[in-house]
Every structure is written in C-alpha cells, then in structure tokens.
Protein backbone atom coordinates (compact mmCIF):
# COMPACT_ATOMS: atom_id res chain seq x y z
CA MET A 1 108.89 124.43 69.15
CA LYS A 2 108.28 124.74 72.86
CA PHE A 3 110.54 126.42 75.39
CA GLY A 4 111.26 125.37 78.95
CA ILE A 5 113.40 126.66 81.78
CA PHE A 6 115.51 124.31 83.87
CA TYR A 7 116.66 124.32 87.49
CA GLU A 8 119.41 122.38 89.22
CA LEU A 9 119.31 125.04 91.96
CA GLN A 10 123.06 125.55 91.97
CA LEU A 11 124.75 127.26 94.89
CA PRO A 12 128.54 127.65 94.60
CA ARG A 13 130.59 128.38 97.69
CA PRO A 14 131.21 130.36 99.81
CA TRP A 15 127.87 129.84 101.53
CA GLU A 16 126.46 132.64 103.66
CA THR A 17 123.44 132.61 105.96
CA GLY A 18 120.31 133.12 103.88
CA ASP A 19 121.84 132.05 100.57
CA GLU A 20 119.62 128.98 100.14
CA LEU A 21 116.56 131.03 101.09
CA LYS A 22 117.44 133.61 98.42
CA LEU A 23 118.18 130.86 95.88
CA TYR A 24 114.75 129.28 96.26
CA GLN A 25 112.79 132.53 96.42
CA ASN A 26 114.57 133.95 93.36
CA ALA A 27 113.90 130.76 91.40
CA LEU A 28 110.19 130.96 92.24
CA SER A 29 110.12 134.59 91.10
CA GLN A 30 111.81 133.58 87.84
CA MET A 31 109.13 130.93 87.30
CA GLU A 32 106.40 133.53 87.84
CA LEU A 33 108.07 135.74 85.24
CA ALA A 34 108.43 132.88 82.76
CA ASP A 35 104.75 132.06 83.21
CA ARG A 36 103.73 135.67 82.47
CA LEU A 37 105.98 135.72 79.40
CA GLY A 38 104.44 132.58 77.91
CA TYR A 39 107.19 129.99 78.40
CA ASP A 40 105.81 126.47 78.05
CA HIS A 41 107.57 124.37 80.72
CA ALA A 42 109.53 124.68 83.95
CA TRP A 43 111.69 121.66 84.89
CA VAL A 44 113.25 120.90 88.28
CA VAL A 45 115.70 118.09 89.04
CA GLU A 46 115.94 115.74 91.99
CA HIS A 47 119.48 115.39 93.35
CA HIS A 48 120.87 114.46 96.74
CA PHE A 49 124.14 115.37 98.48
CA LEU A 50 125.64 117.22 95.47
CA GLU A 51 127.26 120.24 97.12
CA GLU A 52 127.28 123.40 94.98
CA TYR A 53 126.11 121.50 91.87
CA SER A 54 122.47 120.98 92.91
CA HIS A 55 120.62 121.85 96.12
CA SER A 56 117.35 120.32 94.88
CA PRO A 57 116.40 117.19 96.86
CA SER A 58 112.64 117.84 96.99
CA PRO A 59 111.33 118.96 93.59
CA GLU A 60 107.75 118.10 94.52
CA SER A 61 107.81 120.76 97.27
CA PHE A 62 109.34 123.38 94.99
CA LEU A 63 106.92 122.65 92.14
CA ALA A 64 103.96 122.68 94.53
CA ALA A 65 104.94 126.19 95.59
CA ALA A 66 105.34 127.18 91.94
CA SER A 67 101.88 125.79 91.15
CA GLN A 68 100.34 128.43 93.41
CA ARG A 69 102.29 131.30 91.85
CA THR A 70 101.76 130.44 88.17
CA LYS A 71 98.78 129.87 85.90
CA ASN A 72 99.76 128.30 82.59
CA ILE A 73 103.33 127.03 82.56
CA ARG A 74 103.69 123.23 82.67
CA LEU A 75 105.49 122.05 85.81
CA GLY A 76 107.91 119.24 85.14
CA HIS A 77 109.66 116.71 87.31
CA GLY A 78 112.93 116.62 85.47
CA ILE A 79 113.26 114.12 87.05
CA LEU A 80 111.97 112.04 89.97
CA GLN A 81 114.52 109.36 90.86
CA LEU A 82 112.75 106.00 90.72
CA THR A 83 115.77 104.36 92.36
CA THR A 84 115.73 106.40 95.57
CA ASN A 85 111.95 106.70 96.03
CA HIS A 86 109.31 104.07 96.73
CA PRO A 87 106.89 103.62 93.78
CA ALA A 88 103.82 104.45 95.88
CA ARG A 89 105.42 107.70 97.08
CA VAL A 90 106.22 108.62 93.48
CA ALA A 91 102.63 108.01 92.37
CA GLU A 92 101.29 110.02 95.31
CA ARG A 93 103.59 113.00 94.68
CA VAL A 94 102.80 113.12 90.97
CA ALA A 95 99.05 113.00 91.63
CA VAL A 96 99.18 115.72 94.30
CA LEU A 97 101.20 118.05 92.07
CA ASP A 98 98.74 117.47 89.25
CA LEU A 99 95.85 118.40 91.54
CA LEU A 100 97.58 121.47 92.96
CA SER A 101 98.52 122.71 89.49
CA ASN A 102 95.10 121.96 87.97
CA GLY A 103 96.53 119.41 85.56
CA ARG A 104 99.88 120.97 84.65
CA CYS A 105 102.22 118.23 85.92
CA GLU A 106 104.80 116.55 83.65
CA PHE A 107 106.18 113.27 85.01
CA GLY A 108 109.87 112.82 84.27
CA MET A 109 111.62 109.67 85.52
CA GLY A 110 115.27 108.77 86.00
CA GLU A 111 117.74 106.51 87.75
CA SER A 112 120.43 108.82 89.25
CA ALA A 113 123.92 108.55 87.86
CA SER A 114 126.17 108.63 90.93
CA ILE A 115 127.05 106.31 93.79
CA THR A 116 127.09 109.39 96.02
CA GLU A 117 123.31 109.55 95.57
CA LEU A 118 122.49 105.87 95.26
CA THR A 119 124.47 104.30 98.11
CA PRO A 120 122.69 106.03 101.04
CA PHE A 121 119.39 104.69 99.69
CA GLY A 122 120.68 101.13 99.38
CA ARG A 123 121.04 101.21 95.59
CA ASP A 124 124.02 100.77 93.28
CA MET A 125 125.13 101.48 89.72
CA GLU A 126 124.98 97.82 88.70
CA THR A 127 121.26 97.32 89.42
CA LYS A 128 119.81 100.80 89.01
CA LYS A 129 118.43 100.11 85.54
CA GLU A 130 116.61 97.01 86.83
CA VAL A 131 115.21 98.98 89.78
CA PHE A 132 114.04 101.74 87.43
CA GLU A 133 112.23 99.34 85.11
CA GLU A 134 110.54 97.47 87.96
CA ALA A 135 109.44 100.77 89.53
CA VAL A 136 107.83 101.77 86.21
CA GLN A 137 105.90 98.47 86.23
CA ALA A 138 104.72 99.11 89.78
CA ILE A 139 103.74 102.77 89.42
CA PHE A 140 101.31 102.89 86.51
CA PRO A 141 98.62 100.56 87.90
CA MET A 142 98.53 102.92 90.89
CA PHE A 143 97.07 105.73 88.74
CA LYS A 144 94.01 103.63 87.86
CA ASP A 145 90.69 103.77 89.75
CA ALA A 146 91.32 100.54 91.59
CA GLY A 147 93.72 98.95 94.00
CA SER A 148 96.99 97.48 92.78
CA GLU A 149 99.77 95.28 94.07
CA HIS A 150 103.28 94.44 92.97
CA HIS A 151 105.55 91.59 93.98
CA GLY A 152 108.97 91.82 92.40
CA LYS A 153 112.68 91.57 93.03
CA TYR A 154 113.12 95.08 94.45
CA PHE A 155 109.63 96.08 95.59
CA ASP A 156 106.98 94.04 97.40
CA ILE A 157 103.80 96.09 97.63
CA PRO A 158 100.55 94.58 99.01
CA LEU A 159 97.15 95.39 97.55
CA ARG A 160 96.38 99.05 98.22
CA ASN A 161 94.51 101.89 96.56
CA VAL A 162 96.96 104.77 96.08
CA VAL A 163 95.11 108.04 96.51
CA PRO A 164 94.67 110.70 95.27
CA LYS A 165 94.56 110.20 91.50
CA PRO A 166 95.96 112.71 88.97
CA VAL A 167 93.74 115.14 87.07
CA GLN A 168 95.24 114.15 83.71
CA LYS A 169 94.02 110.79 82.47
CA PRO A 170 95.36 108.20 82.41
CA HIS A 171 98.37 110.04 83.87
CA PRO A 172 100.54 113.15 83.27
CA PRO A 173 102.84 113.08 80.21
CA LEU A 174 105.83 110.79 80.67
CA TRP A 175 109.49 111.68 80.22
CA MET A 176 112.78 109.93 80.85
CA ALA A 177 116.11 111.52 81.78
CA CYS A 178 118.77 111.01 79.13
CA SER A 179 121.99 112.08 80.84
CA GLN A 180 123.90 109.73 78.54
CA LEU A 181 123.17 110.27 74.86
CA PRO A 182 122.48 106.59 74.00
CA THR A 183 119.64 106.73 76.52
CA ILE A 184 117.75 108.93 74.02
CA GLU A 185 117.22 105.85 71.83
CA ARG A 186 116.15 103.87 74.90
CA ALA A 187 113.57 106.54 75.82
CA GLY A 188 112.12 106.32 72.32
CA ARG A 189 111.98 102.52 72.49
CA HIS A 190 110.01 102.69 75.75
CA GLY A 191 107.66 105.42 74.50
CA PHE A 192 108.84 108.15 76.88
CA GLY A 193 109.55 111.77 76.08
CA ALA A 194 113.33 112.26 76.04
CA LEU A 195 114.75 114.85 78.43
CA GLY A 196 118.22 115.32 76.96
CA PHE A 197 120.34 116.62 79.83
CA GLN A 198 123.38 117.16 77.69
CA PHE A 199 124.63 119.86 75.41
CA VAL A 200 124.77 118.97 71.73
CA SER A 201 125.27 120.70 68.41
CA ALA A 202 122.48 121.02 65.86
CA ASP A 203 124.11 118.26 63.79
CA ALA A 204 124.10 115.93 66.77
CA ALA A 205 120.51 116.88 67.54
CA HIS A 206 119.53 115.89 63.99
CA ALA A 207 121.11 112.44 64.43
CA TRP A 208 119.56 111.80 67.84
CA VAL A 209 116.09 112.97 66.76
CA HIS A 210 116.24 110.34 64.03
CA ALA A 211 117.42 107.67 66.49
CA TYR A 212 114.66 108.60 68.96
CA TYR A 213 111.73 108.55 66.54
CA ASN A 214 112.97 105.45 64.70
CA ALA A 215 113.16 103.61 68.03
CA MET A 216 109.61 104.69 68.92
CA THR A 217 108.00 103.95 65.57
CA LYS A 218 109.92 100.78 64.65
CA ARG A 219 111.05 99.18 67.92
CA LEU A 220 108.53 100.28 70.55
CA HIS A 221 108.69 98.20 73.74
CA LYS A 222 106.60 99.65 76.56
CA LEU A 223 107.54 98.65 80.11
CA ALA A 224 103.94 98.87 81.39
CA ASP A 225 100.46 100.04 80.39
CA TYR A 226 100.87 103.78 79.77
CA GLU A 227 100.33 106.43 77.10
CA ILE A 228 103.42 107.12 75.01
CA ASN A 229 104.74 110.70 74.78
CA PRO A 230 106.56 111.35 71.48
CA ASN A 231 108.59 114.42 72.39
CA MET A 232 112.29 115.18 72.40
CA ALA A 233 113.67 118.03 74.49
CA LEU A 234 117.27 119.18 74.77
CA VAL A 235 118.84 121.39 77.41
CA SER A 236 120.97 124.30 76.26
CA PHE A 237 123.00 126.85 78.18
CA PHE A 238 121.27 130.19 77.85
CA MET A 239 121.84 133.90 78.34
CA CYS A 240 120.25 136.57 76.19
CA ALA A 241 121.44 140.19 76.30
CA LYS A 242 121.53 143.14 73.91
CA THR A 243 124.96 142.18 72.54
CA ASP A 244 126.93 138.94 72.29
CA GLU A 245 129.67 140.41 74.45
CA GLU A 246 127.28 141.36 77.23
CA ALA A 247 125.57 137.94 77.14
CA ARG A 248 128.93 136.15 77.47
CA ALA A 249 129.97 138.41 80.32
CA ARG A 250 126.75 137.50 82.14
CA ALA A 251 126.92 133.75 81.43
CA ASP A 252 129.89 132.67 83.52
CA GLY A 253 127.63 130.18 85.29
CA ALA A 254 127.39 128.09 82.10
CA THR A 255 131.05 127.15 82.30
CA PHE A 256 130.85 126.56 86.04
CA PHE A 257 128.02 124.11 85.41
CA GLN A 258 130.01 122.39 82.69
CA PHE A 259 133.19 122.37 84.78
CA ALA A 260 131.42 120.69 87.71
CA LEU A 261 129.79 118.13 85.43
CA ARG A 262 133.09 117.24 83.81
CA PHE A 263 135.00 117.37 87.11
CA TYR A 264 132.75 114.84 88.78
CA GLY A 265 132.07 112.83 85.63
CA ALA A 266 135.74 111.88 85.33
CA SER A 267 135.69 109.90 88.59
CA GLN A 268 134.62 106.26 88.87
CA ASN A 269 130.83 105.90 89.06
CA ARG A 270 130.78 109.70 89.24
CA GLN A 271 131.80 109.55 92.89
CA ARG A 272 131.51 112.97 94.50
CA PRO A 273 134.11 114.16 97.01
CA ALA A 274 133.54 113.59 100.70
CA PRO A 275 131.56 116.47 102.28
CA TYR A 276 133.49 119.72 102.66
CA THR A 277 136.67 118.37 101.04
CA VAL A 278 136.45 120.30 97.77
CA ASN A 279 135.48 123.91 97.13
CA MET A 280 134.16 123.59 93.60
CA TRP A 281 133.96 127.34 93.05
CA ASP A 282 137.64 127.73 93.93
CA GLU A 283 138.58 124.79 91.70
CA TYR A 284 136.60 126.36 88.87
CA ASN A 285 138.31 129.72 89.21
CA LYS A 286 141.73 128.06 89.23
CA TRP A 287 140.84 126.27 86.02
CA LYS A 288 139.52 129.50 84.49
CA ARG A 289 142.73 131.39 85.27
CA ASP A 290 144.79 128.60 83.69
CA ASN A 291 142.53 128.16 80.64
CA PRO A 292 141.31 131.59 79.46
CA GLU A 293 140.97 130.46 75.83
CA ALA A 294 138.84 127.44 76.80
CA GLN A 295 136.62 129.72 78.88
CA GLU A 296 136.14 132.06 75.91
CA ALA A 297 135.39 129.18 73.55
CA ALA A 298 132.88 127.66 75.97
CA LEU A 299 130.90 130.88 76.15
CA ARG A 300 130.55 130.96 72.38
CA GLY A 301 128.52 127.74 72.56
CA GLY A 302 124.96 127.20 73.68
CA LEU A 303 122.20 129.77 73.26
CA ILE A 304 124.32 132.59 74.62
CA GLY A 305 124.22 135.90 72.78
CA SER A 306 122.08 138.69 71.40
CA PRO A 307 118.54 138.02 70.19
CA GLU A 308 119.81 137.88 66.61
CA THR A 309 122.60 135.42 67.43
CA ILE A 310 120.25 133.15 69.38
CA ARG A 311 117.66 133.37 66.60
CA LYS A 312 120.21 132.02 64.08
CA LYS A 313 121.19 129.16 66.40
CA LEU A 314 117.56 128.25 67.07
CA LYS A 315 116.82 127.99 63.37
CA ARG A 316 119.39 125.20 63.13
CA PHE A 317 117.74 123.35 66.02
CA GLN A 318 114.36 123.93 64.42
CA SER A 319 115.58 122.23 61.24
CA SER A 320 116.58 119.22 63.39
CA HIS A 321 112.95 118.82 64.53
CA ILE A 322 113.63 119.22 68.25
CA ASP A 323 110.28 119.48 70.05
CA GLN A 324 111.45 121.56 72.99
CA VAL A 325 114.52 123.58 73.92
CA ILE A 326 115.06 123.76 77.67
CA LEU A 327 116.99 126.86 78.69
CA LEU A 328 119.52 126.58 81.52
CA ASN A 329 119.89 130.08 82.92
CA GLN A 330 120.28 129.51 86.68
CA ALA A 331 123.85 128.22 86.88
CA GLY A 332 126.93 129.12 88.86
CA LYS A 333 126.63 132.67 90.14
CA ASN A 334 124.53 134.08 87.31
CA SER A 335 122.62 136.92 88.95
CA HIS A 336 118.87 136.95 89.50
CA GLU A 337 118.62 140.29 87.71
CA HIS A 338 120.48 139.05 84.62
CA ILE A 339 118.41 135.84 84.53
CA CYS A 340 115.17 137.83 84.58
CA GLU A 341 116.41 140.29 81.95
CA SER A 342 117.47 137.37 79.77
CA LEU A 343 114.08 135.66 80.06
CA GLU A 344 112.30 138.92 79.25
CA LEU A 345 114.42 139.85 76.22
CA PHE A 346 114.23 136.36 74.73
CA GLY A 347 110.53 136.05 75.52
CA ARG A 348 109.77 139.35 73.84
CA GLU A 349 112.06 139.32 70.80
CA VAL A 350 112.79 135.69 69.91
CA MET A 351 110.44 133.11 71.40
CA PRO A 352 107.17 134.10 69.65
CA GLU A 353 108.77 133.52 66.23
CA PHE A 354 109.41 129.84 67.02
CA GLN A 355 106.53 128.81 69.28
CA ASN A 356 103.87 128.48 66.59
CA ASP A 357 105.34 126.03 64.10
CA PRO A 358 102.70 124.12 62.10
CA ALA A 359 105.45 122.57 59.95
CA GLN A 360 106.89 120.79 62.99
CA ALA A 361 103.46 119.48 64.00
CA ALA A 362 102.87 118.19 60.46
CA TRP A 363 106.33 116.57 60.37
CA LYS A 364 105.75 114.77 63.66
CA GLN A 365 102.31 113.56 62.60
CA GLY A 366 103.87 112.21 59.42
CA VAL A 367 106.62 110.41 61.31
CA MET A 368 104.28 108.87 63.87
CA SER A 369 101.79 107.74 61.20
CA GLY A 370 104.52 106.18 59.09
CA GLU A 371 104.03 108.53 56.14
CA ILE A 372 107.51 109.97 56.68
CA LYS A 373 110.34 107.43 56.83
CA LEU A 374 113.41 108.62 58.71
CA GLU A 375 116.92 107.62 57.75
CA GLU A 376 118.74 105.38 60.20
CA ILE A 377 121.68 107.63 61.10
CA ASP A 378 124.79 106.24 62.78
CA THR A 379 125.03 108.15 66.06
CA GLU A 380 128.54 106.93 66.91
CA ALA A 381 130.02 110.31 65.97
CA PHE A 382 127.63 112.11 68.31
CA THR A 383 128.19 110.53 71.72
CA ASP A 384 129.99 113.28 73.64
CA ARG A 385 127.50 114.42 76.28
CA TYR A 386 129.47 117.60 76.86
CA GLY A 387 128.95 118.93 73.33
CA LYS A 388 130.53 122.19 72.27
CA LEU A 389 131.35 123.08 75.85
CA ALA A 390 133.65 120.08 76.15
CA ILE A 391 136.30 121.60 78.37
CA ASN A 392 139.24 119.62 79.59
CA VAL A 393 139.22 119.24 83.34
CA VAL A 394 141.63 117.28 85.50
CA PRO A 395 139.91 116.51 88.85
CA ALA A 396 141.82 117.31 92.01
CA LYS A 397 143.02 114.34 94.05
CA ALA A 398 140.45 115.12 96.70
CA ALA A 399 137.66 114.30 94.22
CA ALA A 400 138.60 110.64 94.26
CA GLY A 401 137.70 110.17 97.92
C-alpha cells in the first residue's frame, strides 16, 4: 500500500493579510516533511473561484515549487481540469513538471463538477464529459516525438510540435478524478488510475475495487493511445495523535471540509454562492453548535485517532486491496503544527508496516493476468460519496444565488 497527502489548500474566513502566503508556505513545508518521512505521493487539486473550500487554481506552479524542495515523493496533479484548459497547455505543463521533478510527475485528469467553475471558461455541465474525452484524444499525441494536430467539435488545433516532452515515456502515469463513485468504474474502463475523492467505508472500498478492476480487465475501452495505470486510490480524512481524543480535538477541519462539500453539493449543478455572500466558516460553526452529536460522530470516521486505532482501520482497507490511501490533513483550520506532528507520528509508527506489501503486488498481478477472477459485486448499496461522515446540512438561502 502506498500513502499520499492531499491538498485543496483550504482557507476559511475571516481572511487576514498574509493568510494565503502562510497557507502556501506551510503546505510546501509539509511536503518537504512528507518527502523526508518516506510518503509516496503528494496530490494537489485544481479549483477556481471556490472561496474558503479551495484556493488552488494553479497546481502546476505549486508542484513546480515543491519539485525543488523534495527529492523522492511523487508529485501528482489531482487533478488538471481538461474542461477549463487547452489541451496543448495541459501537455506543456505536465512535461515541464516532469522535467523539473526529474520524472516524478503523476498526471491526473478531471472535468470539474460545478457551474461556478465551468461557466467562466465557456463550458457547461451538459457537455463537460464530451469535452474531457475529446481533450484526452488531443493530448496524448502531443507527448510523442513528432508534431500532432486535432480537429474536433471542441478543439481545433493545427499541426504543431508541443515542446518540451516529459521525462517519463511514453508519458507520466495517468489518473482520473472520481468525485462521484460510479466514475470509479468509468476510470477502470478507460484504463486510468482512479483518484477516489470521496470518503468510503472499507466495505464500500471492497465493492468499488472489484468494480474498478473488473471494468479494466473485462471491459477496457481506451480513449486514445496511452499506457494504462491499474491503480485505485481513495482519500481519507486524517489526523494522528497519541490518543484518539487528542486526534479528534485536532481534526475539526475534517468536518469543515465535509460540511462545505455537502453544503455546496446540495445546490443545483453544485452552484456556489455569489462572491462574498456566504461566510462558510460561520455557517459551519452554526451547524456545529446545533448538531454536537453529528460533529462527534463525524470525527470517529476516517483515519482519525491514535497510531493503534489508525492501524486497525488501515488493515481493513488493506484487505480491500486499495493501492493507495491519500491522507487529507490540511482542512479547515487544522494547524500547521498539528499537521506536521500527525505526519511524523504516522510516518514513524504506522506507515512502514503497510508500505511493503508483497501480497498486494501478487494479488494485482493475478487480477491483471486473469489468474484471479473477481466477483461482480453490485455497487448500488455503496453510492454515497460522503461515506461515514455523511452529515445532514441544509444550505442557507444565500447558497442558491
């Protein structure tokens, strides 16, 4: 099992001068620490206009900075939005990051899931899947040592040689964002690694791992000429401390993250409020005061707890054959000091036990070769993207604007 860290670069209100500077510099320091501790991946999202929830519009810049402050950790676009970026610019950014990092780039792709993000770029919810698939078709010829052209419905690109080319051949490993659980099966069908940006139980993970690998081995349908990447990663809320009580006290950001996701997700097309009309941090604290039991229950989920508690939870994920667990530590107002202490404690006392897992490698080889036949599990019972932290949120009227 591999372990990644994940950044939305959240910044709840109130905003003070220097807060974004501190946010970015602290995140880079956390990546340096994770690299020294032997974590495998660092993932950074691309989002636009999402106040408080994500101040991360330029992951290529952030990851380029991280490439110069780290040595071994894989640097992942989790993800680049193929709907709001031109295919040539995507290919260029991926290649440059791969060069700067000496071949450590991971190429995650996604569509965006909100009209707040799509509309300013001339895209919409109805056609975003088509745009994504055409962008995939346009991008991969650009990594080859020749010119390429593309003439389609959404992109018309004349013959050009996109330079530079990535270090990794034929391209960095490919991933697809799976913000809706059924997309996990779609990622498998297209041969992409699945970046599961949702929060599921071990039982649900077992079902979706089966759906993913069955889609890849039985129903593979590549969108272009690329190397498949059979890997399934799931994000989990994370805070490791000496005791369960201390970890929960330090992990308030996990429920802020979940509150914001649910708050916005309840609106049509995930429409975000108009700028400066909602103070999400205030809304969250109102909800928390009114729902103390839900807050307590939420903090008992995820990988939040002592090393021993997290070890027990990880063993259940290990039995589900998850390839990578991506740890979400930077959320809400979780402090830089607590995030670093959490990474250190987990990296020292828990992670080494799970990183070297020859049984998982043998299982995957058996599945991909056809020697192991996986049961076709009905995933209908496992479609709640909010998982164990499914808190009930009623959006304020202002969120509908």
